[in-house]
C-alpha atoms as a PDB file:
ATOM      1  CA  UNK A   1      11.617  -2.567  12.923  1.00  0.00           C
ATOM      2  CA  UNK A   2      12.069   0.136  10.324  1.00  0.00           C
ATOM      3  CA  UNK A   3       9.854   3.195  10.293  1.00  0.00           C
ATOM      4  CA  UNK A   4       8.539   2.888   6.701  1.00  0.00           C
ATOM      5  CA  UNK A   5       5.542   4.629   5.187  1.00  0.00           C
ATOM      6  CA  UNK A   6       4.224   4.579   1.633  1.00  0.00           C
ATOM      7  CA  UNK A   7       2.000   7.519   0.802  1.00  0.00           C
ATOM      8  CA  UNK A   8       1.306  10.294  -1.687  1.00  0.00           C
ATOM      9  CA  UNK A   9       4.205  12.714  -2.067  1.00  0.00           C
ATOM     10  CA  UNK A  10       3.763  16.110  -0.471  1.00  0.00           C
ATOM     11  CA  UNK A  11       4.524  19.239  -2.511  1.00  0.00           C
ATOM     12  CA  UNK A  12       7.492  20.048  -0.266  1.00  0.00           C
ATOM     13  CA  UNK A  13       9.034  16.644  -1.149  1.00  0.00           C
ATOM     14  CA  UNK A  14       9.061  17.125  -4.921  1.00  0.00           C
ATOM     15  CA  UNK A  15      12.620  18.483  -4.983  1.00  0.00           C
ATOM     16  CA  UNK A  16      13.769  15.298  -3.239  1.00  0.00           C
ATOM     17  CA  UNK A  17      11.739  13.221  -5.707  1.00  0.00           C
ATOM     18  CA  UNK A  18      13.471  15.112  -8.529  1.00  0.00           C
ATOM     19  CA  UNK A  19      16.781  14.134  -6.941  1.00  0.00           C
ATOM     20  CA  UNK A  20      15.721  10.483  -7.024  1.00  0.00           C
ATOM     21  CA  UNK A  21      14.878  10.828 -10.708  1.00  0.00           C
ATOM     22  CA  UNK A  22      18.329  12.345 -11.291  1.00  0.00           C
ATOM     23  CA  UNK A  23      19.985   9.479  -9.372  1.00  0.00           C
ATOM     24  CA  UNK A  24      18.069   6.949 -11.483  1.00  0.00           C
ATOM     25  CA  UNK A  25      19.213   8.562 -14.730  1.00  0.00           C
ATOM     26  CA  UNK A  26      22.837   8.663 -13.589  1.00  0.00           C
ATOM     27  CA  UNK A  27      22.652   5.075 -12.325  1.00  0.00           C
ATOM     28  CA  UNK A  28      21.403   3.958 -15.741  1.00  0.00           C
ATOM     29  CA  UNK A  29      24.234   5.628 -17.623  1.00  0.00           C
ATOM     30  CA  UNK A  30      22.612   8.832 -18.831  1.00  0.00           C
ATOM     31  CA  UNK A  31      25.119  11.474 -19.840  1.00  0.00           C
ATOM     32  CA  UNK A  32      24.961  15.184 -20.595  1.00  0.00           C
ATOM     33  CA  UNK A  33      22.136  15.760 -18.149  1.00  0.00           C
ATOM     34  CA  UNK A  34      22.940  19.394 -17.546  1.00  0.00           C
ATOM     35  CA  UNK A  35      22.946  20.916 -14.090  1.00  0.00           C
ATOM     36  CA  UNK A  36      21.111  19.112 -11.269  1.00  0.00           C
ATOM     37  CA  UNK A  37      19.700  22.359  -9.842  1.00  0.00           C
ATOM     38  CA  UNK A  38      18.184  23.310 -13.210  1.00  0.00           C
ATOM     39  CA  UNK A  39      16.616  19.876 -13.505  1.00  0.00           C
ATOM     40  CA  UNK A  40      15.163  20.025  -9.992  1.00  0.00           C
ATOM     41  CA  UNK A  41      13.566  23.421 -10.671  1.00  0.00           C
ATOM     42  CA  UNK A  42      12.111  22.172 -13.950  1.00  0.00           C
ATOM     43  CA  UNK A  43      10.900  18.911 -12.386  1.00  0.00           C
ATOM     44  CA  UNK A  44       9.144  20.625  -9.478  1.00  0.00           C
ATOM     45  CA  UNK A  45       7.426  23.040 -11.881  1.00  0.00           C
ATOM     46  CA  UNK A  46       6.414  20.139 -14.141  1.00  0.00           C
ATOM     47  CA  UNK A  47       5.008  18.173 -11.186  1.00  0.00           C
ATOM     48  CA  UNK A  48       2.920  21.154 -10.127  1.00  0.00           C
ATOM     49  CA  UNK A  49       1.621  21.739 -13.651  1.00  0.00           C
ATOM     50  CA  UNK A  50       0.698  18.053 -14.051  1.00  0.00           C
ATOM     51  CA  UNK A  51      -0.571  17.253 -10.551  1.00  0.00           C
ATOM     52  CA  UNK A  52      -4.092  16.470 -11.786  1.00  0.00           C
ATOM     53  CA  UNK A  53      -2.891  13.695 -14.109  1.00  0.00           C
ATOM     54  CA  UNK A  54       0.396  12.524 -12.556  1.00  0.00           C
ATOM     55  CA  UNK A  55       0.255  11.174  -9.019  1.00  0.00           C
ATOM     56  CA  UNK A  56       3.476  10.536  -7.117  1.00  0.00           C
ATOM     57  CA  UNK A  57       3.669   7.930  -4.367  1.00  0.00           C
ATOM     58  CA  UNK A  58       6.762   7.819  -2.163  1.00  0.00           C
ATOM     59  CA  UNK A  59       8.463   5.408   0.195  1.00  0.00           C
ATOM     60  CA  UNK A  60       9.654   7.197   3.319  1.00  0.00           C
ATOM     61  CA  UNK A  61      12.026   5.731   5.886  1.00  0.00           C
ATOM     62  CA  UNK A  62      12.518   7.770   9.049  1.00  0.00           C
ATOM     63  CA  UNK A  63      11.455  11.020   7.323  1.00  0.00           C
ATOM     64  CA  UNK A  64      13.713  10.400   4.287  1.00  0.00           C
ATOM     65  CA  UNK A  65      12.176   9.778   0.858  1.00  0.00           C
ATOM     66  CA  UNK A  66      13.910   6.653  -0.490  1.00  0.00           C
ATOM     67  CA  UNK A  67      11.595   5.623  -3.309  1.00  0.00           C
ATOM     68  CA  UNK A  68       9.019   6.917  -5.747  1.00  0.00           C
ATOM     69  CA  UNK A  69       6.492   5.833  -8.343  1.00  0.00           C
ATOM     70  CA  UNK A  70       4.319   7.896 -10.640  1.00  0.00           C
ATOM     71  CA  UNK A  71       0.856   7.025 -11.912  1.00  0.00           C
ATOM     72  CA  UNK A  72      -0.055   8.905 -15.092  1.00  0.00           C
ATOM     73  CA  UNK A  73      -3.834   8.945 -15.480  1.00  0.00           C
ATOM     74  CA  UNK A  74      -5.284   9.183 -18.986  1.00  0.00           C
ATOM     75  CA  UNK A  75      -8.929   9.884 -19.662  1.00  0.00           C
ATOM     76  CA  UNK A  76     -10.346   7.449 -22.206  1.00  0.00           C
ATOM     77  CA  UNK A  77     -13.067   7.898 -24.809  1.00  0.00           C
ATOM     78  CA  UNK A  78     -16.459   7.278 -23.184  1.00  0.00           C
ATOM     79  CA  UNK A  79     -18.890   4.545 -24.119  1.00  0.00           C
ATOM     80  CA  UNK A  80     -22.658   4.440 -23.473  1.00  0.00           C
ATOM     81  CA  UNK A  81     -22.085   2.044 -20.564  1.00  0.00           C
ATOM     82  CA  UNK A  82     -18.973   3.815 -19.256  1.00  0.00           C
ATOM     83  CA  UNK A  83     -19.275   7.575 -19.651  1.00  0.00           C
ATOM     84  CA  UNK A  84     -16.247   8.157 -17.407  1.00  0.00           C
ATOM     85  CA  UNK A  85     -13.313   5.961 -18.285  1.00  0.00           C
ATOM     86  CA  UNK A  86      -9.633   6.249 -17.401  1.00  0.00           C
ATOM     87  CA  UNK A  87      -6.522   4.113 -17.402  1.00  0.00           C
ATOM     88  CA  UNK A  88      -3.086   4.582 -15.928  1.00  0.00           C
ATOM     89  CA  UNK A  89       0.558   4.137 -16.740  1.00  0.00           C
ATOM     90  CA  UNK A  90       2.922   3.294 -13.892  1.00  0.00           C
ATOM     91  CA  UNK A  91       6.190   5.153 -14.482  1.00  0.00           C
ATOM     92  CA  UNK A  92       9.441   6.057 -12.795  1.00  0.00           C
ATOM     93  CA  UNK A  93       9.375   3.385 -10.091  1.00  0.00           C
ATOM     94  CA  UNK A  94      12.639   3.779  -8.211  1.00  0.00           C
ATOM     95  CA  UNK A  95      14.029   2.741  -4.832  1.00  0.00           C
ATOM     96  CA  UNK A  96      17.503   3.840  -3.749  1.00  0.00           C
ATOM     97  CA  UNK A  97      20.065   1.037  -4.183  1.00  0.00           C
ATOM     98  CA  UNK A  98      20.706   0.498  -0.467  1.00  0.00           C
ATOM     99  CA  UNK A  99      16.988  -0.163   0.143  1.00  0.00           C
ATOM    100  CA  UNK A 100      16.423  -2.650  -2.685  1.00  0.00           C
ATOM    101  CA  UNK A 101      15.679  -6.361  -2.498  1.00  0.00           C
ATOM    102  CA  UNK A 102      13.752  -6.052   0.756  1.00  0.00           C
ATOM    103  CA  UNK A 103      10.264  -5.867  -0.703  1.00  0.00           C
ATOM    104  CA  UNK A 104       9.835  -2.089  -0.707  1.00  0.00           C
ATOM    105  CA  UNK A 105       9.488  -1.927  -4.490  1.00  0.00           C
ATOM    106  CA  UNK A 106       6.668  -4.441  -4.402  1.00  0.00           C
ATOM    107  CA  UNK A 107       4.944  -2.578  -1.591  1.00  0.00           C
ATOM    108  CA  UNK A 108       5.274   0.641  -3.574  1.00  0.00           C
ATOM    109  CA  UNK A 109       3.792  -0.954  -6.699  1.00  0.00           C
ATOM    110  CA  UNK A 110       0.865  -2.400  -4.738  1.00  0.00           C
ATOM    111  CA  UNK A 111       0.207   0.995  -3.110  1.00  0.00           C
ATOM    112  CA  UNK A 112       0.014   2.629  -6.553  1.00  0.00           C
ATOM    113  CA  UNK A 113      -2.364  -0.107  -7.752  1.00  0.00           C
ATOM    114  CA  UNK A 114      -4.535   0.445  -4.673  1.00  0.00           C
ATOM    115  CA  UNK A 115      -4.667   4.145  -5.565  1.00  0.00           C
ATOM    116  CA  UNK A 116      -5.575   3.269  -9.157  1.00  0.00           C
ATOM    117  CA  UNK A 117      -8.498   1.180  -7.871  1.00  0.00           C
ATOM    118  CA  UNK A 118      -9.657   4.099  -5.719  1.00  0.00           C
ATOM    119  CA  UNK A 119      -9.572   6.319  -8.828  1.00  0.00           C
ATOM    120  CA  UNK A 120     -11.679   3.740 -10.688  1.00  0.00           C
ATOM    121  CA  UNK A 121      -9.090   3.118 -13.408  1.00  0.00           C
ATOM    122  CA  UNK A 122      -9.812   0.289 -15.850  1.00  0.00           C
ATOM    123  CA  UNK A 123      -6.202  -0.846 -16.104  1.00  0.00           C
ATOM    124  CA  UNK A 124      -2.636   0.151 -15.357  1.00  0.00           C
ATOM    125  CA  UNK A 125       0.248  -0.533 -17.724  1.00  0.00           C
ATOM    126  CA  UNK A 126       3.983  -0.426 -17.110  1.00  0.00           C
ATOM    127  CA  UNK A 127       7.105  -0.408 -19.265  1.00  0.00           C
ATOM    128  CA  UNK A 128       9.597  -2.426 -17.238  1.00  0.00           C
ATOM    129  CA  UNK A 129      13.270  -3.186 -17.151  1.00  0.00           C
ATOM    130  CA  UNK A 130      14.009  -6.924 -17.315  1.00  0.00           C
ATOM    131  CA  UNK A 131      15.212  -6.867 -13.684  1.00  0.00           C
ATOM    132  CA  UNK A 132      11.866  -5.541 -12.419  1.00  0.00           C
ATOM    133  CA  UNK A 133       9.506  -7.824 -14.360  1.00  0.00           C
ATOM    134  CA  UNK A 134       9.213 -10.346 -11.478  1.00  0.00           C
ATOM    135  CA  UNK A 135       8.194  -7.587  -9.045  1.00  0.00           C
ATOM    136  CA  UNK A 136       5.490  -6.377 -11.401  1.00  0.00           C
ATOM    137  CA  UNK A 137       4.287  -9.925 -12.092  1.00  0.00           C
ATOM    138  CA  UNK A 138       4.158 -10.623  -8.349  1.00  0.00           C
ATOM    139  CA  UNK A 139       1.983  -7.509  -7.954  1.00  0.00           C
ATOM    140  CA  UNK A 140      -0.532  -8.663 -10.566  1.00  0.00           C
ATOM    141  CA  UNK A 141       0.818  -7.390 -13.874  1.00  0.00           C
ATOM    142  CA  UNK A 142       0.685  -9.823 -16.758  1.00  0.00           C
ATOM    143  CA  UNK A 143       1.537  -9.771 -20.434  1.00  0.00           C
ATOM    144  CA  UNK A 144      -1.216  -8.716 -22.795  1.00  0.00           C
ATOM    145  CA  UNK A 145      -1.399  -9.818 -26.424  1.00  0.00           C
ATOM    146  CA  UNK A 146      -3.521  -6.728 -27.162  1.00  0.00           C
ATOM    147  CA  UNK A 147      -1.181  -4.051 -25.809  1.00  0.00           C
ATOM    148  CA  UNK A 148       1.110  -2.812 -28.557  1.00  0.00           C
ATOM    149  CA  UNK A 149       3.426   0.138 -28.775  1.00  0.00           C
ATOM    150  CA  UNK A 150       4.967   2.216 -31.543  1.00  0.00           C
ATOM    151  CA  UNK A 151       8.101   4.196 -30.853  1.00  0.00           C
ATOM    152  CA  UNK A 152       7.529   7.622 -32.398  1.00  0.00           C
ATOM    153  CA  UNK A 153      10.331   9.654 -30.842  1.00  0.00           C
ATOM    154  CA  UNK A 154      13.612   9.001 -29.133  1.00  0.00           C
ATOM    155  CA  UNK A 155      13.270   9.380 -25.351  1.00  0.00           C
END
């Protein structure tokens, strides 16, 4: 049996997580990314600056980080009945290619949703690739006729 754990990323793992993000971008055809070392430094600094609102969960196999997911927490406008409201956006879910199709992505998604429940979030949204929609649906995500988006800048 594999030695797999799914848990919050530690600060000393953020450079490896940045490497996973780099791999994902390359895998999806991104070009002109600059230098990997510059990106890693920037990413680690960004993660530290945004640690209160962006929570990273990792999949670790035998002490090697092989997957990641980020939960971006957004504070919402209070109501009289809910003075403390927040929602989340699940982003950057990635598992290395050699570890895919074995259920780790689904386990990672469910771990993030468990963390969102612990934080008391009202809902979690995700922007998915077509390939990943079944994994999200299996983990409880469903289409919403009320969730709309407007593209305001090129990513």
